[in-house]
N, C-alpha and C. Protein backbone atom coordinates (compact mmCIF):
# COMPACT_ATOMS: atom_id res chain seq x y z
N LYS A 1 1.13 -1.51 -18.35
CA LYS A 1 1.28 -0.29 -19.12
C LYS A 1 1.57 0.90 -18.21
N TYR A 2 1.03 0.90 -17.01
CA TYR A 2 1.24 2.03 -16.10
C TYR A 2 2.04 1.58 -14.91
N SER A 3 2.80 2.48 -14.35
CA SER A 3 3.64 2.16 -13.21
C SER A 3 3.61 3.31 -12.22
N CYS A 4 3.72 2.98 -10.95
CA CYS A 4 3.77 4.02 -9.92
C CYS A 4 5.19 4.30 -9.45
N ILE A 5 6.18 3.85 -10.21
CA ILE A 5 7.56 4.13 -9.82
C ILE A 5 7.79 5.62 -10.02
N PRO A 6 8.07 6.36 -8.94
CA PRO A 6 8.15 7.82 -9.02
C PRO A 6 9.06 8.35 -10.11
N TRP A 7 10.25 7.77 -10.28
CA TRP A 7 11.17 8.34 -11.26
C TRP A 7 10.74 8.06 -12.69
N ILE A 8 9.73 7.20 -12.90
CA ILE A 8 9.20 6.96 -14.24
C ILE A 8 8.02 7.90 -14.53
N ILE A 9 7.15 8.12 -13.56
CA ILE A 9 5.94 8.89 -13.82
C ILE A 9 6.07 10.38 -13.59
N LEU A 10 7.08 10.80 -12.83
CA LEU A 10 7.23 12.24 -12.56
C LEU A 10 7.88 12.92 -13.75
N GLY A 11 7.18 13.90 -14.32
CA GLY A 11 7.76 14.71 -15.38
C GLY A 11 8.64 15.79 -14.78
N ALA A 12 9.45 16.41 -15.61
CA ALA A 12 10.35 17.47 -15.14
C ALA A 12 9.55 18.58 -14.46
N GLY A 13 9.90 18.89 -13.24
CA GLY A 13 9.27 19.99 -12.51
C GLY A 13 7.88 19.69 -11.98
N GLU A 14 7.41 18.45 -12.10
CA GLU A 14 6.06 18.11 -11.62
C GLU A 14 6.05 17.87 -10.12
N THR A 15 4.93 18.22 -9.50
CA THR A 15 4.70 17.84 -8.10
C THR A 15 4.19 16.41 -8.11
N GLU A 16 4.08 15.78 -6.93
CA GLU A 16 3.57 14.41 -6.87
C GLU A 16 2.11 14.32 -7.29
N GLU A 17 1.34 15.38 -7.09
CA GLU A 17 -0.08 15.34 -7.44
C GLU A 17 -0.32 15.34 -8.94
N GLU A 18 0.56 15.97 -9.70
CA GLU A 18 0.33 16.07 -11.15
C GLU A 18 0.31 14.72 -11.86
N PRO A 19 1.25 13.80 -11.60
CA PRO A 19 1.13 12.50 -12.24
C PRO A 19 -0.09 11.72 -11.76
N SER A 20 -0.50 11.94 -10.52
CA SER A 20 -1.71 11.27 -10.01
C SER A 20 -2.92 11.68 -10.82
N THR A 21 -3.03 12.97 -11.10
CA THR A 21 -4.14 13.48 -11.92
C THR A 21 -4.05 12.90 -13.33
N ARG A 22 -2.84 12.89 -13.89
CA ARG A 22 -2.64 12.37 -15.25
C ARG A 22 -2.98 10.88 -15.32
N LEU A 23 -2.52 10.10 -14.34
CA LEU A 23 -2.78 8.66 -14.35
C LEU A 23 -4.27 8.35 -14.16
N ALA A 24 -4.95 9.12 -13.33
CA ALA A 24 -6.39 8.92 -13.16
C ALA A 24 -7.13 9.23 -14.46
N LYS A 25 -6.69 10.27 -15.16
CA LYS A 25 -7.31 10.61 -16.46
C LYS A 25 -7.02 9.52 -17.48
N ASN A 26 -5.78 9.01 -17.49
CA ASN A 26 -5.44 7.91 -18.40
C ASN A 26 -6.32 6.69 -18.14
N LEU A 27 -6.53 6.38 -16.86
CA LEU A 27 -7.39 5.25 -16.50
C LEU A 27 -8.81 5.49 -16.99
N GLU A 28 -9.34 6.68 -16.74
CA GLU A 28 -10.71 6.98 -17.19
C GLU A 28 -10.81 6.92 -18.71
N ASP A 29 -9.82 7.45 -19.41
CA ASP A 29 -9.83 7.38 -20.88
C ASP A 29 -9.84 5.93 -21.36
N LEU A 30 -9.06 5.08 -20.70
CA LEU A 30 -9.01 3.67 -21.07
C LEU A 30 -10.35 2.98 -20.79
N ILE A 31 -10.96 3.29 -19.66
CA ILE A 31 -12.27 2.71 -19.33
C ILE A 31 -13.30 3.11 -20.37
N ILE A 32 -13.30 4.37 -20.75
CA ILE A 32 -14.26 4.85 -21.76
C ILE A 32 -13.99 4.17 -23.10
N LYS A 33 -12.71 4.07 -23.48
CA LYS A 33 -12.35 3.44 -24.76
C LYS A 33 -12.78 1.97 -24.81
N GLU A 34 -12.50 1.24 -23.73
CA GLU A 34 -12.81 -0.20 -23.70
C GLU A 34 -14.27 -0.48 -23.36
N GLY A 35 -14.90 0.45 -22.66
CA GLY A 35 -16.27 0.25 -22.19
C GLY A 35 -16.24 -0.29 -20.77
N PRO A 36 -16.86 0.42 -19.81
CA PRO A 36 -16.82 -0.02 -18.41
C PRO A 36 -17.34 -1.44 -18.21
N GLU A 37 -18.28 -1.85 -19.04
CA GLU A 37 -18.87 -3.18 -18.90
C GLU A 37 -17.87 -4.29 -19.24
N THR A 38 -16.75 -3.95 -19.88
CA THR A 38 -15.75 -4.96 -20.25
C THR A 38 -14.64 -5.09 -19.21
N ILE A 39 -14.68 -4.28 -18.16
CA ILE A 39 -13.61 -4.28 -17.17
C ILE A 39 -14.12 -4.92 -15.88
N GLY A 40 -13.48 -6.00 -15.48
CA GLY A 40 -13.91 -6.74 -14.30
C GLY A 40 -13.50 -6.10 -12.99
N ASP A 41 -12.29 -5.55 -12.95
CA ASP A 41 -11.81 -4.96 -11.71
C ASP A 41 -10.54 -4.14 -11.96
N PHE A 42 -10.15 -3.42 -10.93
CA PHE A 42 -8.89 -2.67 -10.91
C PHE A 42 -8.13 -3.19 -9.70
N ILE A 43 -6.92 -3.74 -9.93
CA ILE A 43 -6.12 -4.30 -8.85
C ILE A 43 -4.86 -3.46 -8.68
N ALA A 44 -4.54 -3.12 -7.44
CA ALA A 44 -3.33 -2.32 -7.19
C ALA A 44 -2.74 -2.66 -5.84
N LYS A 45 -1.43 -2.56 -5.77
CA LYS A 45 -0.72 -2.64 -4.48
C LYS A 45 -0.63 -1.23 -3.94
N PRO A 46 -1.11 -0.97 -2.74
CA PRO A 46 -1.00 0.39 -2.19
C PRO A 46 0.44 0.88 -2.11
N VAL A 47 1.36 0.00 -1.74
CA VAL A 47 2.79 0.32 -1.77
C VAL A 47 3.46 -0.76 -2.61
N MET A 48 4.11 -0.33 -3.68
CA MET A 48 4.72 -1.27 -4.60
C MET A 48 5.94 -1.93 -3.97
N GLY A 49 6.05 -3.23 -4.13
CA GLY A 49 7.17 -3.95 -3.54
C GLY A 49 8.19 -4.44 -4.54
N ALA A 50 7.78 -4.66 -5.80
CA ALA A 50 8.68 -5.26 -6.78
C ALA A 50 9.90 -4.40 -7.09
N GLY A 51 9.75 -3.10 -7.12
CA GLY A 51 10.87 -2.22 -7.43
C GLY A 51 11.47 -1.61 -6.19
N GLY A 52 11.12 -2.12 -5.03
CA GLY A 52 11.51 -1.54 -3.75
C GLY A 52 10.23 -1.26 -2.99
N VAL A 53 10.31 -0.73 -1.82
CA VAL A 53 9.11 -0.38 -1.06
C VAL A 53 8.77 1.06 -1.45
N ILE A 54 7.93 1.19 -2.49
CA ILE A 54 7.69 2.50 -3.10
C ILE A 54 6.26 2.95 -2.85
N PRO A 55 6.08 4.00 -2.08
CA PRO A 55 4.73 4.51 -1.81
C PRO A 55 4.15 5.21 -3.04
N PRO A 56 2.83 5.34 -3.10
CA PRO A 56 2.21 6.01 -4.25
C PRO A 56 2.44 7.52 -4.20
N PRO A 57 2.35 8.17 -5.36
CA PRO A 57 2.43 9.64 -5.35
C PRO A 57 1.23 10.22 -4.59
N ALA A 58 1.37 11.43 -4.11
CA ALA A 58 0.29 12.10 -3.35
C ALA A 58 -1.00 12.09 -4.15
N THR A 59 -2.10 11.82 -3.51
CA THR A 59 -3.49 11.81 -4.02
C THR A 59 -3.76 10.74 -5.09
N TYR A 60 -2.81 9.84 -5.35
CA TYR A 60 -3.00 8.84 -6.40
C TYR A 60 -4.25 8.00 -6.16
N PHE A 61 -4.33 7.36 -4.99
CA PHE A 61 -5.46 6.46 -4.76
C PHE A 61 -6.78 7.21 -4.58
N GLU A 62 -6.72 8.39 -4.04
CA GLU A 62 -7.93 9.22 -3.93
C GLU A 62 -8.54 9.44 -5.32
N LYS A 63 -7.70 9.76 -6.29
CA LYS A 63 -8.17 10.04 -7.65
C LYS A 63 -8.56 8.76 -8.39
N ILE A 64 -7.79 7.70 -8.20
CA ILE A 64 -8.10 6.43 -8.86
C ILE A 64 -9.42 5.87 -8.32
N GLN A 65 -9.61 5.93 -6.99
CA GLN A 65 -10.86 5.44 -6.40
C GLN A 65 -12.07 6.16 -6.97
N ALA A 66 -11.95 7.46 -7.17
CA ALA A 66 -13.07 8.23 -7.73
C ALA A 66 -13.43 7.73 -9.12
N VAL A 67 -12.41 7.39 -9.92
CA VAL A 67 -12.67 6.91 -11.28
C VAL A 67 -13.33 5.54 -11.26
N VAL A 68 -12.78 4.59 -10.50
CA VAL A 68 -13.37 3.24 -10.52
C VAL A 68 -14.77 3.24 -9.91
N LYS A 69 -14.99 4.07 -8.90
CA LYS A 69 -16.33 4.17 -8.30
C LYS A 69 -17.32 4.75 -9.32
N LYS A 70 -16.90 5.76 -10.05
CA LYS A 70 -17.76 6.41 -11.05
C LYS A 70 -18.28 5.40 -12.08
N TYR A 71 -17.43 4.42 -12.44
CA TYR A 71 -17.81 3.44 -13.45
C TYR A 71 -18.20 2.08 -12.84
N ASP A 72 -18.39 2.05 -11.51
CA ASP A 72 -18.82 0.85 -10.80
C ASP A 72 -17.90 -0.35 -11.09
N ILE A 73 -16.61 -0.11 -11.00
CA ILE A 73 -15.60 -1.15 -11.23
C ILE A 73 -15.08 -1.60 -9.87
N LEU A 74 -15.01 -2.91 -9.68
CA LEU A 74 -14.51 -3.50 -8.45
C LEU A 74 -13.07 -3.06 -8.21
N PHE A 75 -12.77 -2.60 -7.00
CA PHE A 75 -11.41 -2.16 -6.65
C PHE A 75 -10.82 -3.16 -5.66
N ILE A 76 -9.72 -3.80 -6.05
CA ILE A 76 -9.05 -4.79 -5.21
C ILE A 76 -7.68 -4.24 -4.80
N ALA A 77 -7.41 -4.23 -3.50
CA ALA A 77 -6.10 -3.82 -3.00
C ALA A 77 -5.31 -5.07 -2.63
N ASP A 78 -4.12 -5.20 -3.20
CA ASP A 78 -3.26 -6.34 -2.91
C ASP A 78 -2.33 -5.96 -1.76
N GLU A 79 -2.67 -6.42 -0.57
CA GLU A 79 -1.90 -6.13 0.64
C GLU A 79 -1.19 -7.39 1.13
N ALA A 80 -0.84 -8.30 0.21
CA ALA A 80 -0.24 -9.58 0.61
C ALA A 80 0.98 -9.40 1.48
N ARG A 81 1.77 -8.37 1.22
CA ARG A 81 3.00 -8.16 1.97
C ARG A 81 2.82 -7.25 3.19
N ASP A 82 1.95 -6.25 3.12
CA ASP A 82 1.92 -5.18 4.12
C ASP A 82 0.80 -5.25 5.15
N ASN A 83 -0.42 -5.46 4.73
CA ASN A 83 -1.62 -5.52 5.59
C ASN A 83 -2.11 -4.18 6.13
N VAL A 84 -1.36 -3.10 6.01
CA VAL A 84 -1.76 -1.86 6.68
C VAL A 84 -1.79 -0.62 5.78
N CYS A 85 -1.41 -0.74 4.53
CA CYS A 85 -1.27 0.45 3.68
C CYS A 85 -2.61 1.06 3.29
N CYS A 86 -3.67 0.26 3.21
CA CYS A 86 -4.98 0.84 2.88
C CYS A 86 -5.37 1.90 3.90
N ASP A 87 -5.11 1.63 5.18
CA ASP A 87 -5.40 2.62 6.22
C ASP A 87 -4.57 3.88 6.02
N LYS A 88 -3.29 3.70 5.77
CA LYS A 88 -2.38 4.85 5.65
C LYS A 88 -2.81 5.78 4.52
N TYR A 89 -3.21 5.21 3.39
CA TYR A 89 -3.54 6.02 2.22
C TYR A 89 -5.04 6.23 2.04
N ASN A 90 -5.81 5.92 3.09
CA ASN A 90 -7.27 6.11 3.08
C ASN A 90 -7.92 5.44 1.87
N ILE A 91 -7.49 4.22 1.60
CA ILE A 91 -8.02 3.46 0.47
C ILE A 91 -9.21 2.65 0.98
N LYS A 92 -10.31 2.71 0.25
CA LYS A 92 -11.53 1.98 0.62
C LYS A 92 -11.87 0.99 -0.50
N PRO A 93 -11.09 -0.09 -0.63
CA PRO A 93 -11.35 -1.04 -1.71
C PRO A 93 -12.55 -1.93 -1.41
N ASP A 94 -13.02 -2.60 -2.46
CA ASP A 94 -14.11 -3.57 -2.30
C ASP A 94 -13.57 -4.87 -1.71
N LEU A 95 -12.35 -5.24 -2.11
CA LEU A 95 -11.68 -6.44 -1.61
C LEU A 95 -10.24 -6.09 -1.25
N VAL A 96 -9.72 -6.76 -0.22
CA VAL A 96 -8.30 -6.62 0.14
C VAL A 96 -7.73 -8.02 0.29
N SER A 97 -6.64 -8.31 -0.41
CA SER A 97 -5.98 -9.60 -0.24
C SER A 97 -4.85 -9.44 0.77
N LEU A 98 -4.79 -10.36 1.73
CA LEU A 98 -3.76 -10.36 2.78
C LEU A 98 -3.05 -11.70 2.73
N ALA A 99 -1.78 -11.72 3.13
CA ALA A 99 -1.07 -13.01 3.16
C ALA A 99 0.14 -12.94 4.09
N LYS A 100 1.33 -12.85 3.51
CA LYS A 100 2.59 -13.00 4.25
C LYS A 100 2.63 -12.31 5.61
N ALA A 101 2.23 -11.07 5.66
CA ALA A 101 2.34 -10.31 6.91
C ALA A 101 1.42 -10.84 8.01
N LEU A 102 0.41 -11.60 7.65
CA LEU A 102 -0.50 -12.15 8.67
C LEU A 102 0.24 -13.03 9.68
N SER A 103 1.19 -13.82 9.19
CA SER A 103 1.93 -14.72 10.09
C SER A 103 3.40 -14.35 10.18
N SER A 104 3.74 -13.14 9.79
CA SER A 104 5.14 -12.72 9.70
C SER A 104 5.91 -13.66 8.77
N ALA A 105 5.22 -14.26 7.83
CA ALA A 105 5.76 -15.18 6.82
C ALA A 105 6.29 -16.49 7.41
N TYR A 106 5.86 -16.85 8.64
CA TYR A 106 6.30 -18.11 9.25
C TYR A 106 5.54 -19.31 8.71
N LEU A 107 4.26 -19.12 8.42
CA LEU A 107 3.44 -20.20 7.89
C LEU A 107 2.59 -19.65 6.76
N PRO A 108 2.22 -20.53 5.82
CA PRO A 108 1.38 -20.05 4.72
C PRO A 108 -0.03 -19.73 5.20
N ILE A 109 -0.45 -18.52 4.91
CA ILE A 109 -1.83 -18.12 5.22
C ILE A 109 -2.18 -16.95 4.31
N GLY A 110 -3.42 -16.89 3.95
CA GLY A 110 -3.92 -15.78 3.15
C GLY A 110 -5.35 -15.50 3.56
N ALA A 111 -5.79 -14.30 3.26
CA ALA A 111 -7.17 -13.93 3.61
C ALA A 111 -7.66 -12.90 2.61
N ILE A 112 -8.94 -12.82 2.49
CA ILE A 112 -9.58 -11.79 1.68
C ILE A 112 -10.53 -11.03 2.59
N LEU A 113 -10.37 -9.73 2.66
CA LEU A 113 -11.33 -8.88 3.36
C LEU A 113 -12.25 -8.29 2.31
N MET A 114 -13.53 -8.24 2.61
CA MET A 114 -14.46 -7.71 1.62
C MET A 114 -15.57 -6.92 2.30
N SER A 115 -16.20 -6.09 1.50
CA SER A 115 -17.36 -5.38 2.01
C SER A 115 -18.45 -6.41 2.30
N ALA A 116 -19.47 -6.03 3.03
CA ALA A 116 -20.50 -6.96 3.50
C ALA A 116 -20.98 -7.90 2.40
N PHE A 117 -20.83 -9.22 2.66
CA PHE A 117 -21.21 -10.23 1.69
C PHE A 117 -21.23 -11.56 2.42
N SER A 118 -22.32 -12.29 2.37
CA SER A 118 -22.44 -13.56 3.08
C SER A 118 -21.97 -14.70 2.18
N HIS A 119 -21.07 -15.53 2.71
CA HIS A 119 -20.54 -16.63 1.90
C HIS A 119 -19.97 -17.72 2.81
N GLY A 120 -19.57 -18.83 2.21
CA GLY A 120 -18.92 -19.90 2.95
C GLY A 120 -18.12 -20.77 1.99
N PHE A 121 -17.04 -21.38 2.48
CA PHE A 121 -16.21 -22.24 1.65
C PHE A 121 -15.93 -23.53 2.40
N THR A 122 -15.78 -24.62 1.66
CA THR A 122 -15.49 -25.91 2.26
C THR A 122 -14.04 -25.99 2.72
N TYR A 123 -13.12 -25.52 1.89
CA TYR A 123 -11.69 -25.65 2.19
C TYR A 123 -11.10 -24.29 2.57
N SER A 124 -11.28 -23.91 3.79
CA SER A 124 -10.70 -22.64 4.24
C SER A 124 -10.49 -22.66 5.74
N GLY A 125 -9.73 -21.70 6.23
CA GLY A 125 -9.56 -21.54 7.67
C GLY A 125 -8.64 -22.56 8.30
N ASN A 126 -7.46 -22.82 7.71
CA ASN A 126 -6.49 -23.72 8.32
C ASN A 126 -6.22 -23.26 9.75
N PRO A 127 -6.58 -24.07 10.76
CA PRO A 127 -6.48 -23.61 12.15
C PRO A 127 -5.06 -23.30 12.61
N VAL A 128 -4.06 -24.04 12.11
CA VAL A 128 -2.68 -23.78 12.53
C VAL A 128 -2.21 -22.43 11.99
N SER A 129 -2.40 -22.20 10.70
CA SER A 129 -1.99 -20.92 10.11
C SER A 129 -2.77 -19.76 10.72
N CYS A 130 -4.05 -19.97 10.98
CA CYS A 130 -4.85 -18.91 11.61
C CYS A 130 -4.35 -18.60 13.01
N ALA A 131 -3.98 -19.64 13.77
CA ALA A 131 -3.44 -19.43 15.12
C ALA A 131 -2.13 -18.65 15.06
N VAL A 132 -1.27 -18.99 14.09
CA VAL A 132 0.00 -18.27 13.94
C VAL A 132 -0.27 -16.81 13.57
N ALA A 133 -1.21 -16.58 12.66
CA ALA A 133 -1.54 -15.20 12.26
C ALA A 133 -2.05 -14.39 13.45
N ILE A 134 -2.94 -14.99 14.24
CA ILE A 134 -3.47 -14.28 15.42
C ILE A 134 -2.34 -13.96 16.40
N GLU A 135 -1.46 -14.94 16.63
CA GLU A 135 -0.34 -14.72 17.56
C GLU A 135 0.62 -13.65 17.02
N ALA A 136 0.90 -13.66 15.72
CA ALA A 136 1.80 -12.65 15.13
C ALA A 136 1.21 -11.25 15.31
N LEU A 137 -0.09 -11.12 15.10
CA LEU A 137 -0.74 -9.82 15.28
C LEU A 137 -0.72 -9.40 16.75
N LYS A 138 -0.93 -10.37 17.67
CA LYS A 138 -0.85 -10.07 19.11
C LYS A 138 0.54 -9.58 19.50
N ILE A 139 1.56 -10.27 18.99
CA ILE A 139 2.95 -9.89 19.30
C ILE A 139 3.25 -8.48 18.81
N CYS A 140 2.79 -8.17 17.60
CA CYS A 140 2.99 -6.80 17.08
C CYS A 140 2.38 -5.77 18.02
N LYS A 141 1.19 -6.09 18.52
CA LYS A 141 0.51 -5.16 19.42
C LYS A 141 1.20 -5.10 20.78
N GLU A 142 1.48 -6.28 21.36
CA GLU A 142 2.10 -6.34 22.69
C GLU A 142 3.48 -5.67 22.72
N ARG A 143 4.24 -5.86 21.65
CA ARG A 143 5.60 -5.33 21.62
C ARG A 143 5.66 -3.92 21.01
N ASN A 144 4.49 -3.37 20.74
CA ASN A 144 4.42 -2.00 20.21
C ASN A 144 5.31 -1.80 18.99
N ILE A 145 5.22 -2.73 18.05
CA ILE A 145 6.07 -2.67 16.86
C ILE A 145 5.86 -1.37 16.07
N PRO A 146 4.61 -0.95 15.79
CA PRO A 146 4.45 0.32 15.06
C PRO A 146 5.06 1.51 15.79
N GLU A 147 4.90 1.54 17.12
CA GLU A 147 5.48 2.64 17.89
C GLU A 147 7.01 2.58 17.85
N HIS A 148 7.56 1.36 17.88
CA HIS A 148 9.02 1.20 17.80
C HIS A 148 9.53 1.74 16.46
N VAL A 149 8.85 1.37 15.38
CA VAL A 149 9.25 1.86 14.06
C VAL A 149 9.18 3.38 14.03
N ALA A 150 8.12 3.93 14.61
CA ALA A 150 7.99 5.39 14.65
C ALA A 150 9.14 6.03 15.44
N ARG A 151 9.57 5.37 16.52
CA ARG A 151 10.68 5.92 17.33
C ARG A 151 12.02 5.85 16.59
N VAL A 152 12.29 4.72 15.92
CA VAL A 152 13.60 4.57 15.27
C VAL A 152 13.65 5.21 13.89
N ALA A 153 12.50 5.54 13.30
CA ALA A 153 12.48 6.10 11.95
C ALA A 153 13.36 7.34 11.81
N PRO A 154 13.25 8.35 12.68
CA PRO A 154 14.09 9.54 12.51
C PRO A 154 15.59 9.21 12.61
N TRP A 155 15.95 8.37 13.57
CA TRP A 155 17.35 7.97 13.74
C TRP A 155 17.84 7.22 12.50
N PHE A 156 17.03 6.28 12.00
CA PHE A 156 17.38 5.50 10.82
C PHE A 156 17.53 6.40 9.60
N GLN A 157 16.59 7.33 9.43
CA GLN A 157 16.65 8.23 8.28
C GLN A 157 17.87 9.15 8.35
N ASP A 158 18.23 9.60 9.55
CA ASP A 158 19.45 10.41 9.69
C ASP A 158 20.67 9.61 9.25
N GLY A 159 20.70 8.34 9.62
CA GLY A 159 21.81 7.47 9.19
C GLY A 159 21.84 7.31 7.68
N LEU A 160 20.66 7.15 7.08
CA LEU A 160 20.60 7.02 5.62
C LEU A 160 21.05 8.30 4.93
N LYS A 161 20.68 9.45 5.50
CA LYS A 161 21.06 10.74 4.90
C LYS A 161 22.58 10.90 4.84
N ALA A 162 23.29 10.31 5.80
CA ALA A 162 24.75 10.37 5.78
C ALA A 162 25.29 9.68 4.53
N PHE A 163 24.62 8.60 4.10
CA PHE A 163 25.03 7.91 2.88
C PHE A 163 24.72 8.73 1.62
N ALA A 164 23.76 9.61 1.70
CA ALA A 164 23.35 10.41 0.54
C ALA A 164 24.49 11.29 0.04
N LYS A 165 25.42 11.62 0.91
CA LYS A 165 26.56 12.46 0.52
C LYS A 165 27.51 11.71 -0.41
N ILE A 166 27.43 10.40 -0.42
CA ILE A 166 28.32 9.59 -1.25
C ILE A 166 27.98 9.75 -2.73
N SER A 167 26.69 9.77 -3.05
CA SER A 167 26.27 9.80 -4.46
C SER A 167 24.85 10.34 -4.56
N PRO A 168 24.56 11.12 -5.63
CA PRO A 168 23.19 11.60 -5.81
C PRO A 168 22.19 10.45 -6.01
N ILE A 169 22.63 9.37 -6.63
CA ILE A 169 21.74 8.22 -6.85
C ILE A 169 21.37 7.60 -5.50
N ILE A 170 22.36 7.46 -4.63
CA ILE A 170 22.08 6.91 -3.29
C ILE A 170 21.11 7.83 -2.56
N GLY A 171 21.31 9.15 -2.69
CA GLY A 171 20.41 10.11 -2.07
C GLY A 171 18.98 9.96 -2.56
N GLU A 172 18.83 9.74 -3.88
CA GLU A 172 17.48 9.57 -4.46
C GLU A 172 16.83 8.29 -3.94
N LEU A 173 17.60 7.20 -3.89
CA LEU A 173 17.07 5.94 -3.38
C LEU A 173 16.68 6.06 -1.91
N ILE A 174 17.50 6.75 -1.14
CA ILE A 174 17.20 6.94 0.28
C ILE A 174 15.92 7.75 0.45
N ASP A 175 15.74 8.75 -0.39
CA ASP A 175 14.51 9.55 -0.33
C ASP A 175 13.29 8.67 -0.58
N ILE A 176 13.39 7.77 -1.56
CA ILE A 176 12.28 6.88 -1.90
C ILE A 176 12.04 5.85 -0.80
N TYR A 177 13.11 5.16 -0.37
CA TYR A 177 12.94 4.08 0.60
C TYR A 177 12.71 4.58 2.02
N GLY A 178 13.06 5.81 2.30
CA GLY A 178 12.84 6.37 3.63
C GLY A 178 11.40 6.75 3.90
N LYS A 179 10.61 6.94 2.85
CA LYS A 179 9.22 7.38 3.02
C LYS A 179 8.36 6.42 3.84
N PRO A 180 8.45 5.10 3.63
CA PRO A 180 7.59 4.21 4.43
C PRO A 180 7.82 4.34 5.93
N LEU A 181 9.07 4.53 6.36
CA LEU A 181 9.32 4.72 7.80
C LEU A 181 8.66 5.99 8.29
N LYS A 182 8.79 7.07 7.53
CA LYS A 182 8.18 8.34 7.91
C LYS A 182 6.66 8.17 7.96
N ALA A 183 6.12 7.45 6.98
CA ALA A 183 4.67 7.23 6.94
C ALA A 183 4.21 6.46 8.18
N THR A 184 4.98 5.46 8.61
CA THR A 184 4.63 4.70 9.81
C THR A 184 4.64 5.60 11.03
N GLU A 185 5.67 6.43 11.13
CA GLU A 185 5.78 7.36 12.27
C GLU A 185 4.55 8.27 12.32
N GLU A 186 4.15 8.80 11.15
CA GLU A 186 2.99 9.70 11.09
C GLU A 186 1.70 8.96 11.42
N ARG A 187 1.57 7.71 10.95
CA ARG A 187 0.35 6.92 11.19
C ARG A 187 0.19 6.62 12.68
N VAL A 188 1.28 6.31 13.37
CA VAL A 188 1.21 6.04 14.81
C VAL A 188 0.73 7.29 15.54
N LYS A 189 1.24 8.46 15.15
CA LYS A 189 0.80 9.71 15.78
C LYS A 189 -0.70 9.93 15.55
N GLU A 190 -1.17 9.64 14.32
CA GLU A 190 -2.60 9.80 14.00
C GLU A 190 -3.45 8.87 14.87
N LEU A 191 -3.03 7.61 15.00
CA LEU A 191 -3.80 6.64 15.78
C LEU A 191 -3.84 7.02 17.25
N LYS A 192 -2.72 7.52 17.78
CA LYS A 192 -2.69 7.92 19.18
C LYS A 192 -3.59 9.13 19.43
N ALA A 193 -3.74 9.99 18.43
CA ALA A 193 -4.57 11.19 18.56
C ALA A 193 -6.06 10.84 18.57
N GLN A 194 -6.42 9.67 18.04
CA GLN A 194 -7.84 9.29 17.93
C GLN A 194 -8.42 8.86 19.24
């Protein structure tokens, strides 16, 4: 029923924060209507992948988290593709699902990160897939992949902007798809400052 696709949720003349406020209110209204006790969880992708790599509007997750926390609803972040967006958007979910990005999609692997909880499973921890995931993460760190993306992001975005002159639609798409690179560049600066 709800979507975070910017061109669908942004009303005429609205800032990015206004639809975030509206969507959080819609969620709270729905929770009240249905009864919080009838809702098992709230699942969201921090950055939507199905319609493109589309980041959330400003303050969206901050406002949504406040609503689900208020009604004690489990918040699950689906990071199967990205693995890093919760950090970027300061999302503090109860559970995070990870998958493809763990092994750079070379081998099947998935993981669930959760707040403190003691458990065990009989069928888990495939050693080959886990070894590939660990190596993929090491390679990202050793080769400074986030820093590389931060370095090439301005150059790449300048190249995309040249295409924007061809058509307003291309310009709009470039604005949407260019945000993740800019976000990575900003996140690397934040991490280096820490």
